[in-house]
C-alpha atoms as a PDB file:
ATOM      1  CA  MET A   1     117.446 368.717 126.358  1.00  0.00           C
ATOM      2  CA  LYS A   2     116.866 364.752 125.988  1.00  0.00           C
ATOM      3  CA  LYS A   3     114.324 363.244 124.757  1.00  0.00           C
ATOM      4  CA  MET A   4     112.082 360.423 126.950  1.00  0.00           C
ATOM      5  CA  THR A   5     111.406 357.311 126.269  1.00  0.00           C
ATOM      6  CA  GLY A   6     109.361 354.628 127.343  1.00  0.00           C
ATOM      7  CA  SER A   7     106.288 353.657 126.760  1.00  0.00           C
ATOM      8  CA  ARG A   8     102.694 354.755 127.193  1.00  0.00           C
ATOM      9  CA  LYS A   9      98.872 353.667 127.137  1.00  0.00           C
ATOM     10  CA  ALA A  10      97.002 354.300 123.516  1.00  0.00           C
ATOM     11  CA  CYS A  11      93.982 356.379 124.230  1.00  0.00           C
ATOM     12  CA  VAL A  12      91.372 355.514 122.618  1.00  0.00           C
ATOM     13  CA  GLY A  13      87.739 357.444 122.225  1.00  0.00           C
ATOM     14  CA  LEU A  14      84.771 355.769 122.061  1.00  0.00           C
ATOM     15  CA  LEU A  15      81.621 357.820 120.981  1.00  0.00           C
ATOM     16  CA  HIS A  16      78.958 355.749 121.437  1.00  0.00           C
ATOM     17  CA  GLU A  17      76.004 355.504 123.699  1.00  0.00           C
ATOM     18  CA  GLU A  18      74.706 351.120 123.817  1.00  0.00           C
ATOM     19  CA  ALA A  19      75.334 348.907 126.249  1.00  0.00           C
ATOM     20  CA  ALA A  20      77.726 347.401 123.718  1.00  0.00           C
ATOM     21  CA  GLY A  21      79.311 350.594 123.556  1.00  0.00           C
ATOM     22  CA  ARG A  22      79.980 349.906 127.318  1.00  0.00           C
ATOM     23  CA  GLU A  23      80.767 346.244 127.288  1.00  0.00           C
ATOM     24  CA  LEU A  24      83.437 347.123 124.250  1.00  0.00           C
ATOM     25  CA  ALA A  25      84.841 349.822 126.346  1.00  0.00           C
ATOM     26  CA  GLY A  26      85.325 347.296 129.005  1.00  0.00           C
ATOM     27  CA  ARG A  27      86.806 344.489 126.566  1.00  0.00           C
ATOM     28  CA  LEU A  28      89.165 347.394 125.943  1.00  0.00           C
ATOM     29  CA  GLU A  29      90.669 348.459 128.828  1.00  0.00           C
ATOM     30  CA  ALA A  30      91.238 345.331 129.634  1.00  0.00           C
ATOM     31  CA  GLU A  31      93.569 344.885 126.342  1.00  0.00           C
ATOM     32  CA  GLY A  32      95.584 347.946 127.952  1.00  0.00           C
ATOM     33  CA  TYR A  33      93.850 350.391 126.225  1.00  0.00           C
ATOM     34  CA  ASP A  34      92.558 354.276 128.070  1.00  0.00           C
ATOM     35  CA  VAL A  35      88.989 354.153 126.888  1.00  0.00           C
ATOM     36  CA  PHE A  36      87.745 357.425 127.117  1.00  0.00           C
ATOM     37  CA  PRO A  37      83.449 357.066 126.437  1.00  0.00           C
ATOM     38  CA  VAL A  38      81.814 360.287 125.597  1.00  0.00           C
ATOM     39  CA  GLU A  39      78.393 359.925 123.888  1.00  0.00           C
ATOM     40  CA  PRO A  40      77.171 362.337 121.432  1.00  0.00           C
ATOM     41  CA  GLY A  41      77.368 366.676 122.031  1.00  0.00           C
ATOM     42  CA  PRO A  42      79.085 369.354 123.242  1.00  0.00           C
ATOM     43  CA  ALA A  43      81.498 366.980 125.150  1.00  0.00           C
ATOM     44  CA  ALA A  44      82.316 364.678 121.871  1.00  0.00           C
ATOM     45  CA  GLU A  45      83.219 367.669 120.530  1.00  0.00           C
ATOM     46  CA  MET A  46      85.317 369.503 122.870  1.00  0.00           C
ATOM     47  CA  MET A  47      86.853 365.976 122.821  1.00  0.00           C
ATOM     48  CA  MET A  48      88.147 365.835 118.648  1.00  0.00           C
ATOM     49  CA  ALA A  49      88.798 369.378 118.713  1.00  0.00           C
ATOM     50  CA  ALA A  50      91.691 368.815 121.344  1.00  0.00           C
ATOM     51  CA  ASN A  51      93.681 366.052 119.272  1.00  0.00           C
ATOM     52  CA  ALA A  52      94.624 364.116 122.692  1.00  0.00           C
ATOM     53  CA  MET A  53      93.096 361.010 121.612  1.00  0.00           C
ATOM     54  CA  ASP A  54      95.268 358.011 119.542  1.00  0.00           C
ATOM     55  CA  ALA A  55      92.300 356.102 117.725  1.00  0.00           C
ATOM     56  CA  TRP A  56      88.826 357.153 117.292  1.00  0.00           C
ATOM     57  CA  LEU A  57      85.920 353.941 117.743  1.00  0.00           C
ATOM     58  CA  PHE A  58      82.766 355.877 116.434  1.00  0.00           C
ATOM     59  CA  ASP A  59      78.967 354.623 116.179  1.00  0.00           C
ATOM     60  CA  ALA A  60      78.142 354.403 112.631  1.00  0.00           C
ATOM     61  CA  ARG A  61      75.587 355.981 112.825  1.00  0.00           C
ATOM     62  CA  LEU A  62      76.157 359.102 113.400  1.00  0.00           C
ATOM     63  CA  GLY A  63      77.560 359.946 110.514  1.00  0.00           C
ATOM     64  CA  GLU A  64      77.372 363.737 111.728  1.00  0.00           C
ATOM     65  CA  TYR A  65      80.648 363.298 113.485  1.00  0.00           C
ATOM     66  CA  VAL A  66      82.457 361.841 110.796  1.00  0.00           C
ATOM     67  CA  ASP A  67      84.802 365.133 109.012  1.00  0.00           C
ATOM     68  CA  ALA A  68      85.881 365.989 112.999  1.00  0.00           C
ATOM     69  CA  LEU A  69      87.091 362.794 113.205  1.00  0.00           C
ATOM     70  CA  LEU A  70      88.659 362.905 109.960  1.00  0.00           C
ATOM     71  CA  ALA A  71      90.152 366.323 111.355  1.00  0.00           C
ATOM     72  CA  THR A  72      92.167 364.481 113.482  1.00  0.00           C
ATOM     73  CA  ASP A  73      94.167 362.539 111.507  1.00  0.00           C
ATOM     74  CA  ARG A  74      94.077 360.213 113.904  1.00  0.00           C
ATOM     75  CA  PHE A  75      93.069 355.895 113.646  1.00  0.00           C
ATOM     76  CA  ILE A  76      88.690 355.565 113.212  1.00  0.00           C
ATOM     77  CA  LEU A  77      87.039 353.314 113.048  1.00  0.00           C
ATOM     78  CA  PRO A  78      83.307 353.098 112.168  1.00  0.00           C
ATOM     79  CA  LEU A  79      81.476 350.191 114.603  1.00  0.00           C
ATOM     80  CA  ASP A  80      78.405 349.065 113.028  1.00  0.00           C
ATOM     81  CA  ASN A  81      76.198 346.059 112.870  1.00  0.00           C
ATOM     82  CA  THR A  82      75.671 346.581 116.669  1.00  0.00           C
ATOM     83  CA  PRO A  83      74.987 343.419 118.772  1.00  0.00           C
ATOM     84  CA  ALA A  84      72.135 343.100 121.656  1.00  0.00           C
ATOM     85  CA  LEU A  85      74.137 343.325 124.639  1.00  0.00           C
ATOM     86  CA  GLY A  86      71.893 340.238 125.412  1.00  0.00           C
ATOM     87  CA  THR A  87      73.608 337.940 123.156  1.00  0.00           C
ATOM     88  CA  GLY A  88      76.851 335.998 124.500  1.00  0.00           C
ATOM     89  CA  ALA A  89      78.681 335.337 121.371  1.00  0.00           C
ATOM     90  CA  GLU A  90      77.262 337.571 119.164  1.00  0.00           C
ATOM     91  CA  ILE A  91      78.530 340.518 121.248  1.00  0.00           C
ATOM     92  CA  HIS A  92      81.674 337.959 121.607  1.00  0.00           C
ATOM     93  CA  ASP A  93      82.582 337.700 118.108  1.00  0.00           C
ATOM     94  CA  TRP A  94      82.014 341.745 117.070  1.00  0.00           C
ATOM     95  CA  CYS A  95      83.992 343.714 120.263  1.00  0.00           C
ATOM     96  CA  GLU A  96      86.912 340.083 119.601  1.00  0.00           C
ATOM     97  CA  GLY A  97      86.427 341.398 115.959  1.00  0.00           C
ATOM     98  CA  LEU A  98      87.278 345.125 116.420  1.00  0.00           C
ATOM     99  CA  ILE A  99      90.163 345.039 118.896  1.00  0.00           C
ATOM    100  CA  ARG A 100      91.613 342.572 116.513  1.00  0.00           C
ATOM    101  CA  GLN A 101      91.206 345.991 114.173  1.00  0.00           C
ATOM    102  CA  LEU A 102      92.012 348.534 116.479  1.00  0.00           C
ATOM    103  CA  ARG A 103      95.109 346.293 118.327  1.00  0.00           C
ATOM    104  CA  ASP A 104      96.934 346.288 114.003  1.00  0.00           C
ATOM    105  CA  ALA A 105      96.036 350.255 113.769  1.00  0.00           C
ATOM    106  CA  VAL A 106      96.737 351.212 117.562  1.00  0.00           C
ATOM    107  CA  PRO A 107      99.142 349.189 120.058  1.00  0.00           C
ATOM    108  CA  PRO A 108      97.900 349.191 123.404  1.00  0.00           C
ATOM    109  CA  ALA A 109     100.653 350.380 124.226  1.00  0.00           C
ATOM    110  CA  ILE A 110     102.599 353.750 121.799  1.00  0.00           C
ATOM    111  CA  THR A 111     105.845 354.297 122.808  1.00  0.00           C
ATOM    112  CA  ALA A 112     107.124 357.376 123.085  1.00  0.00           C
ATOM    113  CA  GLY A 113     110.658 359.065 122.378  1.00  0.00           C
END
């Protein structure tokens, strides 16, 4: 059987329920990631159990999800020091720093094959 080669967008689960998380999701999509925002609860637990994400970014205050995220054996990045959405420069810098960290671990395009 022939292996398929090529690339696909990296899938990123985003477990964050504040406006800053929505801003980050938009910026990640602009960088070329497929972003799947989810709020804490059963839907988040199902997504983690499915283990279909290449990386997880999560609100660091949601400590009850750390064990489940670690069990996915994927790159996880806690989001802390979340700025208020109205602070333009702060939110920009916060998003850019997180995107740099994610890009270093999981590039936007994943090569298959």
